[in-house]
Amino acid sequence: ASNANVNPVKTNAATKVEPAKPQGVQTEDVGANNIELTRELYFDVGKFKNQLQAHDETDKLAQLGLPVTAVQKGFLWTNSYHVLVGPYGDEGKAKVTQDTLVSSGFKPRPFEKGWRTFKLISSVTLNGAPTPQGEYTISWESYIGNASVKFTRNSNVVSESDGKWVKRDAKYPRDEYVYRRNPDGSRTLLEIHFEGMRQALVFGKAS
């Protein structure tokens, strides 16, 4: 005789399987003790070959009541001047400025400067440069997702590399980093995860 109160067994229930990490890739947990982050938002409104052109552009922007500076940057034997509006620490105010720039005929590119302290509890290699264990200031300059990253300790740049901000599903609960253990025992840094941030700072191909 059948019993109407017996629940049928679900034999086809899907089991969620976490994706396996590539062989040799490991995550080092730094801990949940660092949430201080300094972040400055700018808008790059143009790059000019000479200082006079940059000065003319800054005058136009100053007349709109916007904070503006011209930053000289050199590459090999050439120099250029980047005109930046900012900084802003609040994304709401930055959005208002962006709308003002667009409506005034400018083509602003979002630009960010940021830095945060971070502790490596093992030695790693970044862009071929040995980066010993210890506490660092990690700083970056980024356009959209692409970032130029520096590891600084005692005012000295220990290593630097190009990276990329990659958005993940949830905020990271603690500082941690991902590395690949190489056959010779060295560790190549692949990712940095900052506590409280959803974005991962990825070097090379995302794992």
C-alpha atoms as a PDB file:
ATOM      1  CA  ALA A   1       0.000   0.000   0.000  1.00  0.00           C
ATOM      2  CA  SER A   2       1.276   3.474  -0.851  1.00  0.00           C
ATOM      3  CA  ASN A   3       1.804   6.123   1.786  1.00  0.00           C
ATOM      4  CA  ALA A   4       0.892   9.663   0.658  1.00  0.00           C
ATOM      5  CA  ASN A   5       3.062  11.203   3.420  1.00  0.00           C
ATOM      6  CA  VAL A   6       6.324   9.725   2.124  1.00  0.00           C
ATOM      7  CA  ASN A   7       8.391  12.292   0.201  1.00  0.00           C
ATOM      8  CA  PRO A   8       9.857  11.059  -3.076  1.00  0.00           C
ATOM      9  CA  VAL A   9      13.641  10.899  -3.271  1.00  0.00           C
ATOM     10  CA  LYS A  10      15.169  13.314  -5.780  1.00  0.00           C
ATOM     11  CA  THR A  11      17.688  11.295  -7.703  1.00  0.00           C
ATOM     12  CA  ASN A  12      18.537  13.937 -10.317  1.00  0.00           C
ATOM     13  CA  ALA A  13      19.403  16.850  -8.005  1.00  0.00           C
ATOM     14  CA  ALA A  14      22.327  18.817  -9.422  1.00  0.00           C
ATOM     15  CA  THR A  15      25.436  19.022  -7.278  1.00  0.00           C
ATOM     16  CA  LYS A  16      27.409  22.283  -7.426  1.00  0.00           C
ATOM     17  CA  VAL A  17      31.050  21.584  -8.050  1.00  0.00           C
ATOM     18  CA  GLU A  18      33.616  24.318  -7.475  1.00  0.00           C
ATOM     19  CA  PRO A  19      36.022  24.699 -10.398  1.00  0.00           C
ATOM     20  CA  ALA A  20      39.441  23.259  -9.692  1.00  0.00           C
ATOM     21  CA  LYS A  21      42.445  25.562  -9.713  1.00  0.00           C
ATOM     22  CA  PRO A  22      45.211  24.890 -12.222  1.00  0.00           C
ATOM     23  CA  GLN A  23      47.944  22.646 -10.895  1.00  0.00           C
ATOM     24  CA  GLY A  24      50.445  24.516  -8.749  1.00  0.00           C
ATOM     25  CA  VAL A  25      48.159  27.540  -8.164  1.00  0.00           C
ATOM     26  CA  GLN A  26      47.543  28.362  -4.494  1.00  0.00           C
ATOM     27  CA  THR A  27      45.971  31.150  -2.409  1.00  0.00           C
ATOM     28  CA  GLU A  28      47.781  32.701   0.568  1.00  0.00           C
ATOM     29  CA  ASP A  29      45.472  34.166   3.235  1.00  0.00           C
ATOM     30  CA  VAL A  30      46.897  37.392   4.640  1.00  0.00           C
ATOM     31  CA  GLY A  31      44.091  37.962   7.166  1.00  0.00           C
ATOM     32  CA  ALA A  32      41.223  40.373   7.743  1.00  0.00           C
ATOM     33  CA  ASN A  33      42.981  43.313   9.344  1.00  0.00           C
ATOM     34  CA  ASN A  34      43.324  45.918   6.617  1.00  0.00           C
ATOM     35  CA  ILE A  35      40.446  47.806   5.044  1.00  0.00           C
ATOM     36  CA  GLU A  36      42.102  51.208   4.624  1.00  0.00           C
ATOM     37  CA  LEU A  37      42.089  52.295   0.995  1.00  0.00           C
ATOM     38  CA  THR A  38      43.006  55.598  -0.604  1.00  0.00           C
ATOM     39  CA  ARG A  39      41.406  56.119  -3.992  1.00  0.00           C
ATOM     40  CA  GLU A  40      41.366  59.249  -6.152  1.00  0.00           C
ATOM     41  CA  LEU A  41      39.200  59.586  -9.273  1.00  0.00           C
ATOM     42  CA  TYR A  42      40.209  61.824 -12.177  1.00  0.00           C
ATOM     43  CA  PHE A  43      39.209  62.492 -15.760  1.00  0.00           C
ATOM     44  CA  ASP A  44      41.865  62.656 -18.448  1.00  0.00           C
ATOM     45  CA  VAL A  45      40.639  65.193 -21.003  1.00  0.00           C
ATOM     46  CA  GLY A  46      43.599  65.280 -23.356  1.00  0.00           C
ATOM     47  CA  LYS A  47      47.261  64.621 -24.099  1.00  0.00           C
ATOM     48  CA  PHE A  48      49.353  67.393 -25.667  1.00  0.00           C
ATOM     49  CA  LYS A  49      52.832  67.567 -27.134  1.00  0.00           C
ATOM     50  CA  ASN A  50      53.775  70.909 -25.664  1.00  0.00           C
ATOM     51  CA  GLN A  51      53.107  72.814 -22.477  1.00  0.00           C
ATOM     52  CA  LEU A  52      51.417  75.780 -24.168  1.00  0.00           C
ATOM     53  CA  GLN A  53      48.661  73.591 -25.619  1.00  0.00           C
ATOM     54  CA  ALA A  54      48.109  71.966 -22.231  1.00  0.00           C
ATOM     55  CA  HIS A  55      47.961  75.406 -20.578  1.00  0.00           C
ATOM     56  CA  ASP A  56      45.243  76.556 -23.006  1.00  0.00           C
ATOM     57  CA  GLU A  57      43.191  73.469 -22.175  1.00  0.00           C
ATOM     58  CA  THR A  58      43.553  73.943 -18.421  1.00  0.00           C
ATOM     59  CA  ASP A  59      42.354  77.550 -18.785  1.00  0.00           C
ATOM     60  CA  LYS A  60      39.158  76.386 -20.505  1.00  0.00           C
ATOM     61  CA  LEU A  61      38.467  73.867 -17.755  1.00  0.00           C
ATOM     62  CA  ALA A  62      39.275  76.312 -14.950  1.00  0.00           C
ATOM     63  CA  GLN A  63      36.641  78.675 -16.384  1.00  0.00           C
ATOM     64  CA  LEU A  64      34.091  75.903 -15.745  1.00  0.00           C
ATOM     65  CA  GLY A  65      35.101  75.954 -12.070  1.00  0.00           C
ATOM     66  CA  LEU A  66      36.750  72.522 -12.211  1.00  0.00           C
ATOM     67  CA  PRO A  67      39.967  71.471 -10.408  1.00  0.00           C
ATOM     68  CA  VAL A  68      42.487  70.824 -13.169  1.00  0.00           C
ATOM     69  CA  THR A  69      46.209  70.091 -13.479  1.00  0.00           C
ATOM     70  CA  ALA A  70      48.612  69.297 -16.323  1.00  0.00           C
ATOM     71  CA  VAL A  71      50.944  66.369 -15.632  1.00  0.00           C
ATOM     72  CA  GLN A  72      54.149  65.911 -17.606  1.00  0.00           C
ATOM     73  CA  LYS A  73      54.968  62.345 -18.587  1.00  0.00           C
ATOM     74  CA  GLY A  74      58.031  61.119 -20.411  1.00  0.00           C
ATOM     75  CA  PHE A  75      58.615  58.003 -22.471  1.00  0.00           C
ATOM     76  CA  LEU A  76      62.072  57.374 -23.963  1.00  0.00           C
ATOM     77  CA  TRP A  77      62.993  60.685 -25.626  1.00  0.00           C
ATOM     78  CA  THR A  78      59.494  62.174 -25.880  1.00  0.00           C
ATOM     79  CA  ASN A  79      57.428  64.133 -23.386  1.00  0.00           C
ATOM     80  CA  SER A  80      53.717  64.797 -23.259  1.00  0.00           C
ATOM     81  CA  TYR A  81      51.322  66.697 -21.019  1.00  0.00           C
ATOM     82  CA  HIS A  82      48.170  65.051 -19.696  1.00  0.00           C
ATOM     83  CA  VAL A  83      45.378  67.346 -18.538  1.00  0.00           C
ATOM     84  CA  LEU A  84      43.548  65.855 -15.553  1.00  0.00           C
ATOM     85  CA  VAL A  85      40.370  67.054 -13.847  1.00  0.00           C
ATOM     86  CA  GLY A  86      40.117  66.019 -10.202  1.00  0.00           C
ATOM     87  CA  PRO A  87      40.744  64.414  -7.817  1.00  0.00           C
ATOM     88  CA  TYR A  88      37.416  63.181  -6.472  1.00  0.00           C
ATOM     89  CA  GLY A  89      36.974  60.787  -3.589  1.00  0.00           C
ATOM     90  CA  ASP A  90      33.233  60.472  -4.132  1.00  0.00           C
ATOM     91  CA  GLU A  91      31.849  58.663  -7.187  1.00  0.00           C
ATOM     92  CA  GLY A  92      28.669  60.766  -7.136  1.00  0.00           C
ATOM     93  CA  LYS A  93      30.602  64.034  -7.479  1.00  0.00           C
ATOM     94  CA  ALA A  94      32.799  62.458 -10.141  1.00  0.00           C
ATOM     95  CA  LYS A  95      29.703  61.509 -12.154  1.00  0.00           C
ATOM     96  CA  VAL A  96      28.414  65.099 -12.011  1.00  0.00           C
ATOM     97  CA  THR A  97      31.785  66.356 -13.290  1.00  0.00           C
ATOM     98  CA  GLN A  98      31.812  63.779 -16.070  1.00  0.00           C
ATOM     99  CA  ASP A  99      28.371  64.945 -17.246  1.00  0.00           C
ATOM    100  CA  THR A 100      29.563  68.568 -17.146  1.00  0.00           C
ATOM    101  CA  LEU A 101      32.627  67.739 -19.254  1.00  0.00           C
ATOM    102  CA  VAL A 102      30.610  65.841 -21.858  1.00  0.00           C
ATOM    103  CA  SER A 103      27.983  68.579 -22.137  1.00  0.00           C
ATOM    104  CA  SER A 104      30.829  71.125 -22.601  1.00  0.00           C
ATOM    105  CA  GLY A 105      32.271  69.222 -25.568  1.00  0.00           C
ATOM    106  CA  PHE A 106      35.101  67.339 -23.840  1.00  0.00           C
ATOM    107  CA  LYS A 107      35.774  63.612 -24.097  1.00  0.00           C
ATOM    108  CA  PRO A 108      36.820  62.599 -20.571  1.00  0.00           C
ATOM    109  CA  ARG A 109      38.517  59.274 -19.872  1.00  0.00           C
ATOM    110  CA  PRO A 110      38.038  57.964 -16.311  1.00  0.00           C
ATOM    111  CA  PHE A 111      41.391  57.674 -14.571  1.00  0.00           C
ATOM    112  CA  GLU A 112      42.112  56.382 -11.074  1.00  0.00           C
ATOM    113  CA  LYS A 113      44.984  56.583  -8.628  1.00  0.00           C
ATOM    114  CA  GLY A 114      44.914  54.383  -5.567  1.00  0.00           C
ATOM    115  CA  TRP A 115      47.117  52.832  -2.915  1.00  0.00           C
ATOM    116  CA  ARG A 116      46.751  50.413  -0.047  1.00  0.00           C
ATOM    117  CA  THR A 117      49.022  48.656   2.418  1.00  0.00           C
ATOM    118  CA  PHE A 118      49.383  44.917   1.924  1.00  0.00           C
ATOM    119  CA  LYS A 119      51.450  42.190   3.557  1.00  0.00           C
ATOM    120  CA  LEU A 120      53.156  39.376   1.684  1.00  0.00           C
ATOM    121  CA  ILE A 121      53.811  36.454   4.006  1.00  0.00           C
ATOM    122  CA  SER A 122      55.967  34.672   1.430  1.00  0.00           C
ATOM    123  CA  SER A 123      58.393  35.827  -1.252  1.00  0.00           C
ATOM    124  CA  VAL A 124      56.979  36.033  -4.779  1.00  0.00           C
ATOM    125  CA  THR A 125      58.077  37.082  -8.244  1.00  0.00           C
ATOM    126  CA  LEU A 126      56.262  39.861 -10.111  1.00  0.00           C
ATOM    127  CA  ASN A 127      57.116  40.605 -13.729  1.00  0.00           C
ATOM    128  CA  GLY A 128      60.427  38.782 -13.251  1.00  0.00           C
ATOM    129  CA  ALA A 129      61.406  40.835 -10.184  1.00  0.00           C
ATOM    130  CA  PRO A 130      61.859  39.075  -6.807  1.00  0.00           C
ATOM    131  CA  THR A 131      59.502  40.605  -4.232  1.00  0.00           C
ATOM    132  CA  PRO A 132      60.471  39.504  -0.679  1.00  0.00           C
ATOM    133  CA  GLN A 133      57.940  38.888   2.048  1.00  0.00           C
ATOM    134  CA  GLY A 134      56.978  41.904   4.116  1.00  0.00           C
ATOM    135  CA  GLU A 135      54.601  44.859   4.223  1.00  0.00           C
ATOM    136  CA  TYR A 136      54.221  47.003   1.101  1.00  0.00           C
ATOM    137  CA  THR A 137      52.305  49.933  -0.235  1.00  0.00           C
ATOM    138  CA  ILE A 138      50.632  48.743  -3.419  1.00  0.00           C
ATOM    139  CA  SER A 139      49.804  51.694  -5.666  1.00  0.00           C
ATOM    140  CA  TRP A 140      48.179  51.813  -9.072  1.00  0.00           C
ATOM    141  CA  GLU A 141      47.172  54.120 -11.877  1.00  0.00           C
ATOM    142  CA  SER A 142      44.425  52.787 -14.097  1.00  0.00           C
ATOM    143  CA  TYR A 143      42.360  53.702 -17.122  1.00  0.00           C
ATOM    144  CA  ILE A 144      39.087  51.720 -16.984  1.00  0.00           C
ATOM    145  CA  GLY A 145      40.322  48.187 -16.163  1.00  0.00           C
ATOM    146  CA  ASN A 146      44.009  48.410 -17.103  1.00  0.00           C
ATOM    147  CA  ALA A 147      46.403  49.309 -14.290  1.00  0.00           C
ATOM    148  CA  SER A 148      50.076  50.156 -13.787  1.00  0.00           C
ATOM    149  CA  VAL A 149      51.006  48.706 -10.393  1.00  0.00           C
ATOM    150  CA  LYS A 150      53.953  49.356  -8.055  1.00  0.00           C
ATOM    151  CA  PHE A 151      55.065  47.577  -4.875  1.00  0.00           C
ATOM    152  CA  THR A 152      56.850  50.091  -2.635  1.00  0.00           C
ATOM    153  CA  ARG A 153      58.641  49.559   0.688  1.00  0.00           C
ATOM    154  CA  ASN A 154      60.551  52.207   2.651  1.00  0.00           C
ATOM    155  CA  SER A 155      59.989  54.664  -0.228  1.00  0.00           C
ATOM    156  CA  ASN A 156      61.731  52.305  -2.682  1.00  0.00           C
ATOM    157  CA  VAL A 157      59.949  50.662  -5.622  1.00  0.00           C
ATOM    158  CA  VAL A 158      60.674  46.928  -5.258  1.00  0.00           C
ATOM    159  CA  SER A 159      58.688  45.699  -8.270  1.00  0.00           C
ATOM    160  CA  GLU A 160      56.176  46.960 -10.797  1.00  0.00           C
ATOM    161  CA  SER A 161      53.974  45.456 -13.469  1.00  0.00           C
ATOM    162  CA  ASP A 162      50.962  46.019 -15.691  1.00  0.00           C
ATOM    163  CA  GLY A 163      47.789  44.494 -14.308  1.00  0.00           C
ATOM    164  CA  LYS A 164      44.044  44.416 -14.837  1.00  0.00           C
ATOM    165  CA  TRP A 165      41.033  44.870 -12.566  1.00  0.00           C
ATOM    166  CA  VAL A 166      38.677  41.902 -12.932  1.00  0.00           C
ATOM    167  CA  LYS A 167      35.219  41.995 -11.322  1.00  0.00           C
ATOM    168  CA  ARG A 168      34.214  38.904  -9.339  1.00  0.00           C
ATOM    169  CA  ASP A 169      30.898  37.635  -7.952  1.00  0.00           C
ATOM    170  CA  ALA A 170      31.327  38.723  -4.323  1.00  0.00           C
ATOM    171  CA  LYS A 171      33.475  40.987  -2.146  1.00  0.00           C
ATOM    172  CA  TYR A 172      36.585  39.400  -0.697  1.00  0.00           C
ATOM    173  CA  PRO A 173      36.343  38.892   3.106  1.00  0.00           C
ATOM    174  CA  ARG A 174      40.084  39.308   3.685  1.00  0.00           C
ATOM    175  CA  ASP A 175      43.364  40.273   2.042  1.00  0.00           C
ATOM    176  CA  GLU A 176      44.868  37.404   0.085  1.00  0.00           C
ATOM    177  CA  TYR A 177      46.987  36.702  -2.966  1.00  0.00           C
ATOM    178  CA  VAL A 178      47.159  33.946  -5.544  1.00  0.00           C
ATOM    179  CA  TYR A 179      50.448  32.539  -6.823  1.00  0.00           C
ATOM    180  CA  ARG A 180      51.760  29.715  -8.984  1.00  0.00           C
ATOM    181  CA  ARG A 181      54.429  27.484  -7.496  1.00  0.00           C
ATOM    182  CA  ASN A 182      57.108  26.859 -10.139  1.00  0.00           C
ATOM    183  CA  PRO A 183      59.245  23.702 -10.523  1.00  0.00           C
ATOM    184  CA  ASP A 184      62.268  25.529  -9.083  1.00  0.00           C
ATOM    185  CA  GLY A 185      60.329  26.397  -5.912  1.00  0.00           C
ATOM    186  CA  SER A 186      59.762  30.066  -6.752  1.00  0.00           C
ATOM    187  CA  ARG A 187      56.279  31.613  -6.623  1.00  0.00           C
ATOM    188  CA  THR A 188      54.870  33.782  -9.412  1.00  0.00           C
ATOM    189  CA  LEU A 189      52.272  36.316  -8.238  1.00  0.00           C
ATOM    190  CA  LEU A 190      49.019  35.995 -10.203  1.00  0.00           C
ATOM    191  CA  GLU A 191      46.363  37.964  -8.314  1.00  0.00           C
ATOM    192  CA  ILE A 192      45.834  40.335  -5.373  1.00  0.00           C
ATOM    193  CA  HIS A 193      42.501  40.342  -3.493  1.00  0.00           C
ATOM    194  CA  PHE A 194      41.768  43.285  -1.198  1.00  0.00           C
ATOM    195  CA  GLU A 195      39.376  42.911   1.728  1.00  0.00           C
ATOM    196  CA  GLY A 196      36.026  44.551   1.019  1.00  0.00           C
ATOM    197  CA  MET A 197      36.583  44.838  -2.749  1.00  0.00           C
ATOM    198  CA  ARG A 198      34.814  42.881  -5.472  1.00  0.00           C
ATOM    199  CA  GLN A 199      37.581  43.463  -8.028  1.00  0.00           C
ATOM    200  CA  ALA A 200      40.698  41.315  -8.207  1.00  0.00           C
ATOM    201  CA  LEU A 201      43.986  42.827  -9.362  1.00  0.00           C
ATOM    202  CA  VAL A 202      45.212  40.291 -11.905  1.00  0.00           C
ATOM    203  CA  PHE A 203      48.702  39.966 -13.393  1.00  0.00           C
ATOM    204  CA  GLY A 204      48.859  38.031 -16.638  1.00  0.00           C
ATOM    205  CA  LYS A 205      45.985  35.676 -17.407  1.00  0.00           C
ATOM    206  CA  ALA A 206      43.171  35.530 -14.829  1.00  0.00           C
ATOM    207  CA  SER A 207      42.987  32.229 -12.939  1.00  0.00           C
END
